[in-house]
N, C-alpha and C. Protein backbone atom coordinates (compact mmCIF):
# COMPACT_ATOMS: atom_id res chain seq x y z
N UNK A 1 -59.88 -14.22 -59.11
CA UNK A 1 -60.12 -14.49 -57.72
C UNK A 1 -59.87 -13.20 -56.94
N UNK A 2 -60.76 -12.88 -56.01
CA UNK A 2 -60.61 -11.66 -55.23
C UNK A 2 -59.52 -11.84 -54.18
N UNK A 3 -58.99 -10.71 -53.72
CA UNK A 3 -57.91 -10.75 -52.72
C UNK A 3 -58.32 -11.45 -51.44
N UNK A 4 -59.54 -11.17 -50.87
CA UNK A 4 -59.91 -11.89 -49.64
C UNK A 4 -60.00 -13.40 -49.83
N UNK A 5 -60.56 -13.84 -50.98
CA UNK A 5 -60.68 -15.27 -51.23
C UNK A 5 -59.29 -15.89 -51.41
N UNK A 6 -58.42 -15.20 -52.15
CA UNK A 6 -57.07 -15.68 -52.35
C UNK A 6 -56.35 -15.80 -51.00
N UNK A 7 -56.53 -14.82 -50.12
CA UNK A 7 -55.92 -14.85 -48.79
C UNK A 7 -56.40 -16.05 -47.99
N UNK A 8 -57.70 -16.34 -48.05
CA UNK A 8 -58.26 -17.48 -47.32
C UNK A 8 -57.70 -18.78 -47.87
N UNK A 9 -57.60 -18.90 -49.18
CA UNK A 9 -57.07 -20.11 -49.80
C UNK A 9 -55.60 -20.31 -49.40
N UNK A 10 -54.80 -19.23 -49.48
CA UNK A 10 -53.39 -19.35 -49.10
C UNK A 10 -53.23 -19.70 -47.63
N UNK A 11 -54.05 -19.07 -46.76
CA UNK A 11 -54.00 -19.37 -45.33
C UNK A 11 -54.36 -20.83 -45.09
N UNK A 12 -55.39 -21.34 -45.76
CA UNK A 12 -55.81 -22.74 -45.61
C UNK A 12 -54.70 -23.69 -46.04
N UNK A 13 -54.02 -23.37 -47.14
CA UNK A 13 -52.92 -24.20 -47.60
C UNK A 13 -51.77 -24.19 -46.59
N UNK A 14 -51.49 -23.01 -46.03
CA UNK A 14 -50.43 -22.88 -45.03
C UNK A 14 -50.75 -23.70 -43.80
N UNK A 15 -51.95 -23.58 -43.27
CA UNK A 15 -52.36 -24.33 -42.08
C UNK A 15 -52.36 -25.82 -42.38
N UNK A 16 -52.84 -26.21 -43.54
CA UNK A 16 -52.83 -27.62 -43.93
C UNK A 16 -51.43 -28.18 -43.99
N UNK A 17 -50.49 -27.38 -44.49
CA UNK A 17 -49.10 -27.81 -44.56
C UNK A 17 -48.52 -27.99 -43.16
N UNK A 18 -48.82 -27.04 -42.26
CA UNK A 18 -48.34 -27.17 -40.89
C UNK A 18 -48.90 -28.42 -40.23
N UNK A 19 -50.19 -28.68 -40.40
CA UNK A 19 -50.80 -29.86 -39.79
C UNK A 19 -50.22 -31.14 -40.36
N UNK A 20 -49.91 -31.14 -41.64
CA UNK A 20 -49.36 -32.33 -42.27
C UNK A 20 -47.91 -32.56 -41.86
N UNK A 21 -47.21 -31.48 -41.46
CA UNK A 21 -45.79 -31.59 -41.16
C UNK A 21 -45.52 -31.98 -39.70
N UNK A 22 -46.52 -31.96 -38.85
CA UNK A 22 -46.31 -32.29 -37.45
C UNK A 22 -47.46 -33.14 -36.93
N UNK A 23 -47.14 -34.08 -36.05
CA UNK A 23 -48.18 -34.87 -35.41
C UNK A 23 -47.85 -34.94 -33.92
N UNK A 24 -48.89 -35.07 -33.10
CA UNK A 24 -48.71 -35.10 -31.65
C UNK A 24 -49.20 -36.44 -31.12
N UNK A 25 -48.41 -37.02 -30.20
CA UNK A 25 -48.84 -38.25 -29.54
C UNK A 25 -48.52 -38.14 -28.05
N UNK A 26 -49.36 -38.73 -27.25
CA UNK A 26 -49.18 -38.69 -25.79
C UNK A 26 -48.16 -39.75 -25.40
N UNK A 27 -47.12 -39.30 -24.68
CA UNK A 27 -46.14 -40.23 -24.13
C UNK A 27 -46.59 -40.75 -22.78
N UNK A 28 -47.10 -39.83 -21.94
CA UNK A 28 -47.55 -40.19 -20.60
C UNK A 28 -48.79 -39.40 -20.24
N UNK A 29 -49.77 -40.09 -19.71
CA UNK A 29 -50.85 -39.42 -19.00
C UNK A 29 -51.01 -40.17 -17.69
N UNK A 30 -51.88 -39.70 -16.85
CA UNK A 30 -51.91 -40.23 -15.49
C UNK A 30 -53.31 -40.71 -15.12
N UNK A 31 -54.00 -41.30 -16.09
CA UNK A 31 -55.36 -41.82 -15.88
C UNK A 31 -55.35 -43.12 -15.07
N UNK A 32 -54.31 -43.93 -15.24
CA UNK A 32 -54.22 -45.23 -14.58
C UNK A 32 -53.43 -45.09 -13.27
N UNK A 33 -54.00 -45.47 -12.12
CA UNK A 33 -53.28 -45.36 -10.85
C UNK A 33 -51.95 -46.12 -10.84
N UNK A 34 -51.80 -47.14 -11.66
CA UNK A 34 -50.56 -47.90 -11.72
C UNK A 34 -49.41 -47.15 -12.40
N UNK A 35 -49.74 -46.00 -13.00
CA UNK A 35 -48.72 -45.25 -13.73
C UNK A 35 -47.60 -44.72 -12.83
N UNK A 36 -47.81 -44.71 -11.53
CA UNK A 36 -46.81 -44.17 -10.60
C UNK A 36 -45.79 -45.20 -10.14
N UNK A 37 -45.99 -46.46 -10.47
CA UNK A 37 -45.15 -47.54 -9.93
C UNK A 37 -43.66 -47.36 -10.18
N UNK A 38 -43.26 -46.85 -11.34
CA UNK A 38 -41.84 -46.76 -11.67
C UNK A 38 -41.22 -45.41 -11.31
N UNK A 39 -42.02 -44.43 -10.94
CA UNK A 39 -41.47 -43.13 -10.55
C UNK A 39 -40.72 -43.27 -9.23
N UNK A 40 -39.73 -42.41 -9.01
CA UNK A 40 -39.05 -42.37 -7.73
C UNK A 40 -38.62 -40.93 -7.43
N UNK A 41 -38.52 -40.63 -6.15
CA UNK A 41 -38.08 -39.31 -5.70
C UNK A 41 -36.60 -39.37 -5.37
N UNK A 42 -35.86 -38.34 -5.78
CA UNK A 42 -34.45 -38.18 -5.43
C UNK A 42 -34.29 -36.73 -4.98
N UNK A 43 -33.97 -36.57 -3.69
CA UNK A 43 -33.87 -35.23 -3.12
C UNK A 43 -32.46 -34.97 -2.61
N UNK A 44 -32.23 -33.74 -2.13
CA UNK A 44 -30.88 -33.36 -1.70
C UNK A 44 -30.40 -34.11 -0.46
N UNK A 45 -31.24 -34.93 0.15
CA UNK A 45 -30.81 -35.77 1.26
C UNK A 45 -29.64 -36.68 0.88
N UNK A 46 -29.51 -36.98 -0.42
CA UNK A 46 -28.38 -37.80 -0.87
C UNK A 46 -27.06 -37.08 -0.65
N UNK A 47 -27.11 -35.75 -0.40
CA UNK A 47 -25.91 -34.95 -0.16
C UNK A 47 -25.97 -34.27 1.21
N UNK A 48 -26.88 -34.71 2.08
CA UNK A 48 -26.99 -34.13 3.40
C UNK A 48 -28.04 -33.04 3.55
N UNK A 49 -28.73 -32.70 2.45
CA UNK A 49 -29.75 -31.65 2.50
C UNK A 49 -31.02 -32.11 3.20
N UNK A 50 -31.98 -31.21 3.32
CA UNK A 50 -33.21 -31.50 4.06
C UNK A 50 -34.48 -31.24 3.27
N UNK A 51 -34.37 -31.10 1.97
CA UNK A 51 -35.57 -30.89 1.15
C UNK A 51 -36.40 -32.16 1.10
N UNK A 52 -37.69 -31.99 0.94
CA UNK A 52 -38.61 -33.12 0.83
C UNK A 52 -39.39 -32.96 -0.47
N UNK A 53 -39.26 -33.92 -1.34
CA UNK A 53 -40.03 -33.95 -2.58
C UNK A 53 -40.74 -35.29 -2.69
N UNK A 54 -42.02 -35.24 -2.97
CA UNK A 54 -42.82 -36.46 -3.09
C UNK A 54 -43.67 -36.37 -4.35
N UNK A 55 -44.38 -37.46 -4.64
CA UNK A 55 -45.30 -37.46 -5.76
C UNK A 55 -46.52 -38.31 -5.41
N UNK A 56 -47.63 -37.98 -6.06
CA UNK A 56 -48.87 -38.71 -5.85
C UNK A 56 -49.78 -38.43 -7.04
N UNK A 57 -50.84 -39.21 -7.13
CA UNK A 57 -51.86 -39.03 -8.16
C UNK A 57 -53.01 -38.24 -7.54
N UNK A 58 -53.43 -37.17 -8.20
CA UNK A 58 -54.53 -36.35 -7.68
C UNK A 58 -55.87 -36.93 -8.12
N UNK A 59 -56.93 -36.41 -7.54
CA UNK A 59 -58.29 -36.82 -7.93
C UNK A 59 -58.60 -36.43 -9.37
N UNK A 60 -57.86 -35.46 -9.90
CA UNK A 60 -58.05 -35.02 -11.30
C UNK A 60 -57.14 -35.79 -12.27
N UNK A 61 -56.58 -36.91 -11.82
CA UNK A 61 -55.68 -37.75 -12.64
C UNK A 61 -54.47 -36.96 -13.13
N UNK A 62 -53.84 -36.26 -12.19
CA UNK A 62 -52.61 -35.53 -12.49
C UNK A 62 -51.50 -36.06 -11.58
N UNK A 63 -50.29 -36.13 -12.11
CA UNK A 63 -49.13 -36.46 -11.30
C UNK A 63 -48.75 -35.19 -10.56
N UNK A 64 -48.77 -35.24 -9.24
CA UNK A 64 -48.41 -34.07 -8.45
C UNK A 64 -47.04 -34.30 -7.80
N UNK A 65 -46.12 -33.41 -8.12
CA UNK A 65 -44.79 -33.36 -7.52
C UNK A 65 -44.85 -32.21 -6.51
N UNK A 66 -44.67 -32.54 -5.23
CA UNK A 66 -44.90 -31.54 -4.20
C UNK A 66 -43.93 -31.75 -3.04
N UNK A 67 -43.83 -30.75 -2.19
CA UNK A 67 -42.98 -30.88 -1.02
C UNK A 67 -42.53 -29.54 -0.49
N UNK A 68 -41.33 -29.55 0.08
CA UNK A 68 -40.76 -28.35 0.69
C UNK A 68 -39.28 -28.29 0.34
N UNK A 69 -38.86 -27.19 -0.27
CA UNK A 69 -37.46 -27.01 -0.62
C UNK A 69 -36.75 -26.34 0.56
N UNK A 70 -35.64 -26.93 0.99
CA UNK A 70 -34.85 -26.42 2.11
C UNK A 70 -33.44 -26.10 1.62
N UNK A 71 -32.87 -25.04 2.14
CA UNK A 71 -31.50 -24.68 1.81
C UNK A 71 -30.52 -25.08 2.92
N UNK A 72 -31.03 -25.75 3.95
CA UNK A 72 -30.18 -26.19 5.07
C UNK A 72 -29.17 -27.23 4.60
N UNK A 73 -28.03 -27.24 5.27
CA UNK A 73 -26.95 -28.22 5.00
C UNK A 73 -26.53 -28.24 3.54
N UNK A 74 -26.48 -27.07 2.92
CA UNK A 74 -26.10 -26.94 1.50
C UNK A 74 -27.04 -27.69 0.57
N UNK A 75 -28.30 -27.84 0.99
CA UNK A 75 -29.30 -28.50 0.15
C UNK A 75 -29.90 -27.53 -0.84
N UNK A 76 -31.01 -27.93 -1.39
CA UNK A 76 -31.69 -27.02 -2.30
C UNK A 76 -32.26 -27.64 -3.55
N UNK A 77 -32.46 -28.97 -3.57
CA UNK A 77 -33.16 -29.53 -4.73
C UNK A 77 -34.05 -30.70 -4.31
N UNK A 78 -35.10 -30.85 -5.08
CA UNK A 78 -36.01 -32.00 -4.96
C UNK A 78 -36.33 -32.43 -6.38
N UNK A 79 -36.49 -33.74 -6.57
CA UNK A 79 -36.77 -34.22 -7.93
C UNK A 79 -37.54 -35.52 -7.92
N UNK A 80 -38.16 -35.80 -9.05
CA UNK A 80 -38.77 -37.10 -9.31
C UNK A 80 -38.27 -37.57 -10.67
N UNK A 81 -38.17 -38.90 -10.82
CA UNK A 81 -37.60 -39.48 -12.04
C UNK A 81 -38.38 -40.72 -12.46
N UNK A 82 -38.39 -40.96 -13.75
CA UNK A 82 -39.03 -42.14 -14.33
C UNK A 82 -38.08 -42.81 -15.30
N UNK A 83 -37.60 -44.02 -14.98
CA UNK A 83 -36.81 -44.75 -15.97
C UNK A 83 -37.75 -45.34 -17.03
N UNK A 84 -37.38 -45.18 -18.28
CA UNK A 84 -38.18 -45.73 -19.38
C UNK A 84 -37.35 -45.66 -20.65
N UNK A 85 -37.51 -46.64 -21.51
CA UNK A 85 -36.74 -46.62 -22.75
C UNK A 85 -37.62 -46.72 -23.99
N UNK A 86 -38.88 -46.39 -23.82
CA UNK A 86 -39.80 -46.55 -24.95
C UNK A 86 -40.33 -45.21 -25.48
N UNK A 87 -39.61 -44.12 -25.25
CA UNK A 87 -40.08 -42.81 -25.72
C UNK A 87 -39.84 -42.60 -27.20
N UNK A 88 -38.80 -43.23 -27.74
CA UNK A 88 -38.48 -43.12 -29.16
C UNK A 88 -38.45 -41.67 -29.63
N UNK A 89 -37.68 -40.86 -28.92
CA UNK A 89 -37.53 -39.46 -29.32
C UNK A 89 -36.62 -39.35 -30.52
N UNK A 90 -36.85 -38.29 -31.32
CA UNK A 90 -36.06 -38.06 -32.52
C UNK A 90 -35.65 -36.60 -32.58
N UNK A 91 -34.61 -36.33 -33.31
CA UNK A 91 -34.17 -34.96 -33.55
C UNK A 91 -35.34 -34.17 -34.16
N UNK A 92 -35.55 -32.98 -33.65
CA UNK A 92 -36.64 -32.14 -34.13
C UNK A 92 -37.94 -32.29 -33.36
N UNK A 93 -38.04 -33.31 -32.48
CA UNK A 93 -39.25 -33.49 -31.67
C UNK A 93 -39.37 -32.35 -30.65
N UNK A 94 -40.60 -32.08 -30.25
CA UNK A 94 -40.88 -31.11 -29.20
C UNK A 94 -41.71 -31.80 -28.13
N UNK A 95 -41.23 -31.76 -26.89
CA UNK A 95 -42.01 -32.29 -25.77
C UNK A 95 -43.00 -31.22 -25.33
N UNK A 96 -44.24 -31.65 -25.09
CA UNK A 96 -45.29 -30.72 -24.68
C UNK A 96 -45.83 -31.18 -23.33
N UNK A 97 -45.66 -30.33 -22.33
CA UNK A 97 -46.12 -30.61 -20.98
C UNK A 97 -47.42 -29.85 -20.75
N UNK A 98 -48.45 -30.57 -20.36
CA UNK A 98 -49.69 -29.93 -19.95
C UNK A 98 -49.67 -29.96 -18.43
N UNK A 99 -49.60 -28.79 -17.79
CA UNK A 99 -49.33 -28.74 -16.36
C UNK A 99 -49.97 -27.55 -15.67
N UNK A 100 -50.01 -27.66 -14.37
CA UNK A 100 -50.45 -26.57 -13.50
C UNK A 100 -49.38 -26.42 -12.43
N UNK A 101 -48.93 -25.20 -12.19
CA UNK A 101 -47.85 -24.99 -11.25
C UNK A 101 -48.18 -23.99 -10.16
N UNK A 102 -47.11 -23.47 -9.59
CA UNK A 102 -47.22 -22.55 -8.45
C UNK A 102 -46.48 -21.24 -8.69
N UNK A 103 -46.08 -20.99 -9.94
CA UNK A 103 -45.36 -19.76 -10.26
C UNK A 103 -43.85 -19.90 -10.20
N UNK A 104 -43.35 -21.06 -9.81
CA UNK A 104 -41.91 -21.27 -9.72
C UNK A 104 -41.36 -21.79 -11.04
N UNK A 105 -40.03 -21.77 -11.15
CA UNK A 105 -39.34 -22.29 -12.33
C UNK A 105 -38.81 -23.69 -12.03
N UNK A 106 -39.20 -24.64 -12.85
CA UNK A 106 -38.81 -26.05 -12.71
C UNK A 106 -37.91 -26.44 -13.88
N UNK A 107 -37.31 -27.60 -13.76
CA UNK A 107 -36.51 -28.17 -14.84
C UNK A 107 -37.11 -29.51 -15.25
N UNK A 108 -37.12 -29.76 -16.55
CA UNK A 108 -37.38 -31.11 -17.03
C UNK A 108 -36.03 -31.70 -17.38
N UNK A 109 -35.79 -32.93 -16.93
CA UNK A 109 -34.55 -33.62 -17.22
C UNK A 109 -34.82 -34.83 -18.11
N UNK A 110 -33.92 -35.05 -19.05
CA UNK A 110 -33.90 -36.28 -19.84
C UNK A 110 -32.60 -37.00 -19.49
N UNK A 111 -32.65 -38.32 -19.48
CA UNK A 111 -31.49 -39.13 -19.11
C UNK A 111 -31.16 -40.09 -20.25
N UNK A 112 -29.85 -40.34 -20.42
CA UNK A 112 -29.40 -41.27 -21.46
C UNK A 112 -28.96 -42.61 -20.89
N UNK A 113 -28.77 -42.68 -19.58
CA UNK A 113 -28.37 -43.94 -18.95
C UNK A 113 -29.56 -44.58 -18.26
N UNK A 114 -29.67 -45.89 -18.37
CA UNK A 114 -30.81 -46.62 -17.79
C UNK A 114 -30.92 -46.44 -16.28
N UNK A 115 -29.80 -46.24 -15.58
CA UNK A 115 -29.85 -46.04 -14.13
C UNK A 115 -30.12 -44.57 -13.78
N UNK A 116 -30.35 -43.74 -14.78
CA UNK A 116 -30.62 -42.31 -14.64
C UNK A 116 -29.46 -41.58 -13.98
N UNK A 117 -28.27 -42.12 -14.13
CA UNK A 117 -27.07 -41.48 -13.61
C UNK A 117 -26.38 -40.67 -14.69
N UNK A 118 -25.18 -40.24 -14.39
CA UNK A 118 -24.42 -39.45 -15.36
C UNK A 118 -25.07 -38.11 -15.62
N UNK A 119 -24.93 -37.64 -16.84
CA UNK A 119 -25.50 -36.36 -17.21
C UNK A 119 -27.03 -36.41 -17.16
N UNK A 120 -27.61 -35.30 -16.75
CA UNK A 120 -29.03 -35.08 -17.01
C UNK A 120 -29.07 -33.96 -18.03
N UNK A 121 -29.93 -34.09 -18.99
CA UNK A 121 -30.07 -33.08 -20.04
C UNK A 121 -31.30 -32.26 -19.67
N UNK A 122 -31.11 -30.98 -19.46
CA UNK A 122 -32.07 -30.16 -18.74
C UNK A 122 -32.57 -28.99 -19.57
N UNK A 123 -33.84 -28.68 -19.30
CA UNK A 123 -34.45 -27.47 -19.86
C UNK A 123 -35.39 -26.90 -18.80
N UNK A 124 -35.31 -25.60 -18.55
CA UNK A 124 -36.14 -24.94 -17.54
C UNK A 124 -37.44 -24.45 -18.14
N UNK A 125 -38.45 -24.35 -17.27
CA UNK A 125 -39.73 -23.77 -17.68
C UNK A 125 -40.38 -23.10 -16.48
N UNK A 126 -41.08 -22.04 -16.75
CA UNK A 126 -41.77 -21.27 -15.70
C UNK A 126 -43.24 -21.68 -15.67
N UNK A 127 -43.78 -21.76 -14.47
CA UNK A 127 -45.20 -22.09 -14.31
C UNK A 127 -45.97 -20.83 -13.91
N UNK A 128 -47.28 -20.91 -14.04
CA UNK A 128 -48.17 -19.85 -13.57
C UNK A 128 -48.97 -20.41 -12.41
N UNK A 129 -49.19 -19.61 -11.37
CA UNK A 129 -49.92 -20.12 -10.20
C UNK A 129 -51.33 -20.59 -10.55
N UNK A 130 -51.59 -21.88 -10.27
CA UNK A 130 -52.93 -22.48 -10.41
C UNK A 130 -53.57 -22.31 -11.78
N UNK A 131 -52.76 -22.26 -12.82
CA UNK A 131 -53.29 -22.12 -14.17
C UNK A 131 -52.77 -23.27 -15.03
N UNK A 132 -53.68 -23.98 -15.69
CA UNK A 132 -53.29 -25.07 -16.58
C UNK A 132 -52.73 -24.49 -17.87
N UNK A 133 -51.49 -24.84 -18.19
CA UNK A 133 -50.82 -24.31 -19.38
C UNK A 133 -50.13 -25.45 -20.13
N UNK A 134 -49.72 -25.16 -21.36
CA UNK A 134 -48.89 -26.07 -22.14
C UNK A 134 -47.51 -25.45 -22.28
N UNK A 135 -46.49 -26.24 -22.01
CA UNK A 135 -45.11 -25.81 -22.13
C UNK A 135 -44.47 -26.63 -23.25
N UNK A 136 -43.80 -25.96 -24.17
CA UNK A 136 -43.15 -26.62 -25.30
C UNK A 136 -41.64 -26.63 -25.09
N UNK A 137 -41.04 -27.82 -25.12
CA UNK A 137 -39.61 -27.97 -24.90
C UNK A 137 -38.99 -28.74 -26.07
N UNK A 138 -38.33 -28.06 -27.00
CA UNK A 138 -37.68 -28.75 -28.11
C UNK A 138 -36.59 -29.69 -27.60
N UNK A 139 -36.61 -30.93 -28.04
CA UNK A 139 -35.65 -31.93 -27.60
C UNK A 139 -34.22 -31.48 -27.90
N UNK A 140 -34.02 -30.78 -29.00
CA UNK A 140 -32.69 -30.33 -29.40
C UNK A 140 -32.13 -29.23 -28.50
N UNK A 141 -32.93 -28.68 -27.61
CA UNK A 141 -32.50 -27.57 -26.75
C UNK A 141 -32.13 -28.01 -25.33
N UNK A 142 -32.21 -29.31 -25.03
CA UNK A 142 -31.82 -29.78 -23.71
C UNK A 142 -30.30 -29.69 -23.56
N UNK A 143 -29.84 -29.22 -22.39
CA UNK A 143 -28.42 -28.97 -22.13
C UNK A 143 -27.91 -29.95 -21.08
N UNK A 144 -26.73 -30.48 -21.31
CA UNK A 144 -26.13 -31.44 -20.38
C UNK A 144 -25.72 -30.76 -19.08
N UNK A 145 -26.11 -31.38 -17.96
CA UNK A 145 -25.70 -30.90 -16.64
C UNK A 145 -25.31 -32.09 -15.78
N UNK A 146 -24.47 -31.82 -14.81
CA UNK A 146 -24.10 -32.84 -13.83
C UNK A 146 -23.77 -32.11 -12.54
N UNK A 147 -24.51 -32.44 -11.48
CA UNK A 147 -24.34 -31.80 -10.18
C UNK A 147 -24.33 -30.28 -10.27
N UNK A 148 -25.25 -29.77 -11.08
CA UNK A 148 -25.41 -28.32 -11.20
C UNK A 148 -24.50 -27.63 -12.20
N UNK A 149 -23.55 -28.34 -12.76
CA UNK A 149 -22.64 -27.74 -13.74
C UNK A 149 -23.12 -28.04 -15.16
N UNK A 150 -22.93 -27.07 -16.03
CA UNK A 150 -23.36 -27.20 -17.43
C UNK A 150 -22.17 -27.66 -18.27
N UNK A 151 -22.43 -28.60 -19.18
CA UNK A 151 -21.41 -29.13 -20.10
C UNK A 151 -21.90 -28.89 -21.53
N UNK A 152 -21.61 -27.70 -22.08
CA UNK A 152 -22.18 -27.32 -23.38
C UNK A 152 -21.74 -28.18 -24.56
N UNK A 153 -20.60 -28.85 -24.46
CA UNK A 153 -20.13 -29.68 -25.58
C UNK A 153 -20.78 -31.06 -25.61
N UNK A 154 -21.39 -31.45 -24.51
CA UNK A 154 -22.05 -32.76 -24.43
C UNK A 154 -23.46 -32.65 -25.03
N UNK A 155 -23.74 -33.36 -26.08
CA UNK A 155 -25.03 -33.27 -26.77
C UNK A 155 -25.92 -34.46 -26.44
N UNK A 156 -27.20 -34.18 -26.31
CA UNK A 156 -28.19 -35.23 -26.07
C UNK A 156 -28.56 -35.89 -27.39
N UNK A 157 -28.52 -37.21 -27.41
CA UNK A 157 -28.94 -37.97 -28.59
C UNK A 157 -30.33 -38.50 -28.29
N UNK A 158 -31.36 -37.97 -28.95
CA UNK A 158 -32.74 -38.32 -28.61
C UNK A 158 -33.03 -39.82 -28.59
N UNK A 159 -32.40 -40.58 -29.48
CA UNK A 159 -32.70 -42.02 -29.51
C UNK A 159 -32.07 -42.77 -28.32
N UNK A 160 -31.26 -42.08 -27.50
CA UNK A 160 -30.69 -42.68 -26.30
C UNK A 160 -31.55 -42.44 -25.06
N UNK A 161 -32.70 -41.80 -25.19
CA UNK A 161 -33.52 -41.44 -24.03
C UNK A 161 -33.85 -42.68 -23.20
N UNK A 162 -33.45 -42.65 -21.93
CA UNK A 162 -33.67 -43.79 -21.03
C UNK A 162 -34.52 -43.39 -19.82
N UNK A 163 -34.95 -42.15 -19.77
CA UNK A 163 -35.77 -41.71 -18.66
C UNK A 163 -35.97 -40.22 -18.69
N UNK A 164 -36.84 -39.77 -17.80
CA UNK A 164 -37.11 -38.34 -17.68
C UNK A 164 -37.42 -38.02 -16.24
N UNK A 165 -37.43 -36.74 -15.93
CA UNK A 165 -37.73 -36.33 -14.57
C UNK A 165 -37.99 -34.85 -14.48
N UNK A 166 -38.34 -34.42 -13.27
CA UNK A 166 -38.60 -33.02 -12.98
C UNK A 166 -37.85 -32.66 -11.72
N UNK A 167 -37.27 -31.45 -11.72
CA UNK A 167 -36.44 -31.02 -10.62
C UNK A 167 -36.77 -29.58 -10.27
N UNK A 168 -36.78 -29.30 -8.98
CA UNK A 168 -36.88 -27.92 -8.50
C UNK A 168 -35.60 -27.63 -7.75
N UNK A 169 -34.93 -26.55 -8.14
CA UNK A 169 -33.69 -26.15 -7.49
C UNK A 169 -33.49 -24.65 -7.66
N UNK A 170 -34.55 -23.88 -7.40
CA UNK A 170 -34.52 -22.44 -7.66
C UNK A 170 -33.97 -21.59 -6.51
N UNK A 171 -33.41 -22.24 -5.49
CA UNK A 171 -32.80 -21.55 -4.35
C UNK A 171 -33.80 -20.71 -3.55
N UNK A 172 -35.08 -21.09 -3.60
CA UNK A 172 -36.12 -20.40 -2.84
C UNK A 172 -36.75 -21.40 -1.87
N UNK A 173 -36.45 -21.21 -0.61
CA UNK A 173 -36.96 -22.12 0.41
C UNK A 173 -38.48 -22.00 0.51
N UNK A 174 -39.15 -23.14 0.70
CA UNK A 174 -40.59 -23.11 0.92
C UNK A 174 -41.30 -24.24 0.20
N UNK A 175 -42.64 -24.26 0.36
CA UNK A 175 -43.43 -25.32 -0.26
C UNK A 175 -43.50 -25.15 -1.78
N UNK A 176 -43.73 -26.27 -2.46
CA UNK A 176 -43.87 -26.23 -3.92
C UNK A 176 -44.89 -27.28 -4.35
N UNK A 177 -45.42 -27.06 -5.58
CA UNK A 177 -46.37 -28.00 -6.14
C UNK A 177 -46.42 -27.85 -7.66
N UNK A 178 -46.18 -28.94 -8.35
CA UNK A 178 -46.28 -29.00 -9.81
C UNK A 178 -47.18 -30.17 -10.15
N UNK A 179 -48.23 -29.92 -10.93
CA UNK A 179 -49.16 -30.98 -11.34
C UNK A 179 -49.07 -31.17 -12.85
N UNK A 180 -48.83 -32.42 -13.26
CA UNK A 180 -48.72 -32.76 -14.68
C UNK A 180 -49.95 -33.52 -15.14
N UNK A 181 -50.60 -33.00 -16.18
CA UNK A 181 -51.76 -33.67 -16.77
C UNK A 181 -51.30 -34.68 -17.83
N UNK A 182 -50.32 -34.27 -18.64
CA UNK A 182 -49.81 -35.18 -19.67
C UNK A 182 -48.47 -34.68 -20.19
N UNK A 183 -47.74 -35.61 -20.80
CA UNK A 183 -46.51 -35.31 -21.52
C UNK A 183 -46.68 -35.89 -22.91
N UNK A 184 -46.63 -35.01 -23.90
CA UNK A 184 -46.81 -35.42 -25.30
C UNK A 184 -45.55 -35.10 -26.08
N UNK A 185 -45.47 -35.66 -27.26
CA UNK A 185 -44.38 -35.31 -28.16
C UNK A 185 -45.00 -34.89 -29.49
N UNK A 186 -44.51 -33.78 -29.99
CA UNK A 186 -44.91 -33.31 -31.32
C UNK A 186 -43.78 -33.69 -32.26
N UNK A 187 -44.12 -34.50 -33.21
CA UNK A 187 -43.10 -35.00 -34.14
C UNK A 187 -43.21 -34.27 -35.47
N UNK A 188 -42.08 -33.80 -35.92
CA UNK A 188 -42.02 -33.17 -37.23
C UNK A 188 -41.90 -34.30 -38.24
N UNK A 189 -42.93 -34.49 -39.03
CA UNK A 189 -42.93 -35.61 -39.99
C UNK A 189 -41.94 -35.39 -41.12
N UNK A 190 -41.34 -34.19 -41.19
CA UNK A 190 -40.31 -33.92 -42.20
C UNK A 190 -38.91 -34.19 -41.68
N UNK A 191 -38.79 -34.77 -40.44
CA UNK A 191 -37.47 -35.05 -39.87
C UNK A 191 -36.63 -35.85 -40.87
N UNK A 192 -35.41 -35.40 -41.04
CA UNK A 192 -34.51 -36.13 -41.90
C UNK A 192 -34.62 -35.75 -43.38
N UNK A 193 -35.61 -34.97 -43.73
CA UNK A 193 -35.75 -34.54 -45.13
C UNK A 193 -35.08 -33.21 -45.32
N UNK A 194 -34.41 -33.03 -46.42
CA UNK A 194 -33.80 -31.74 -46.69
C UNK A 194 -34.84 -30.78 -47.20
N UNK A 195 -34.62 -29.50 -46.91
CA UNK A 195 -35.61 -28.51 -47.35
C UNK A 195 -35.19 -27.81 -48.60
């Protein structure tokens, strides 16, 4: 067998192995207008702040999280949250966000309590202005936070996922806009197997 043919065969086997080892499924998309019913906004007004964060469905079937971040009265965050217990996340999963942003850095939060209280398990991601991108967030990399403080010893247990959300708290006053096309999970089909 010639070297180029051998290289193609080995590459094909490698790609086939990768495809067999991971599968992707959509957790949330925003095609149905009823998909917004359980979402809710939680902004710094709960602490006296003046930020405004809202959500709506766009004509392109995207969830749009938008508003104005204010630093007045010690404010500085806006968020939206979705209680749900049917994500069935597992160790080794990767959340994939298909989104369009405004160039700001946002946080995705996962929650372990049904009331979305207590710790939020957070991971930051940067957006590009008006460009549709995919962001990959390994479930094992979410960090426990509470009221802005990090608790590194507190670990997220994926099977406890009771909700998710998005938060902006970058200390930059002004308008913001994040549009989500879908949230998928890439599952490693080798989870739990020793290598």
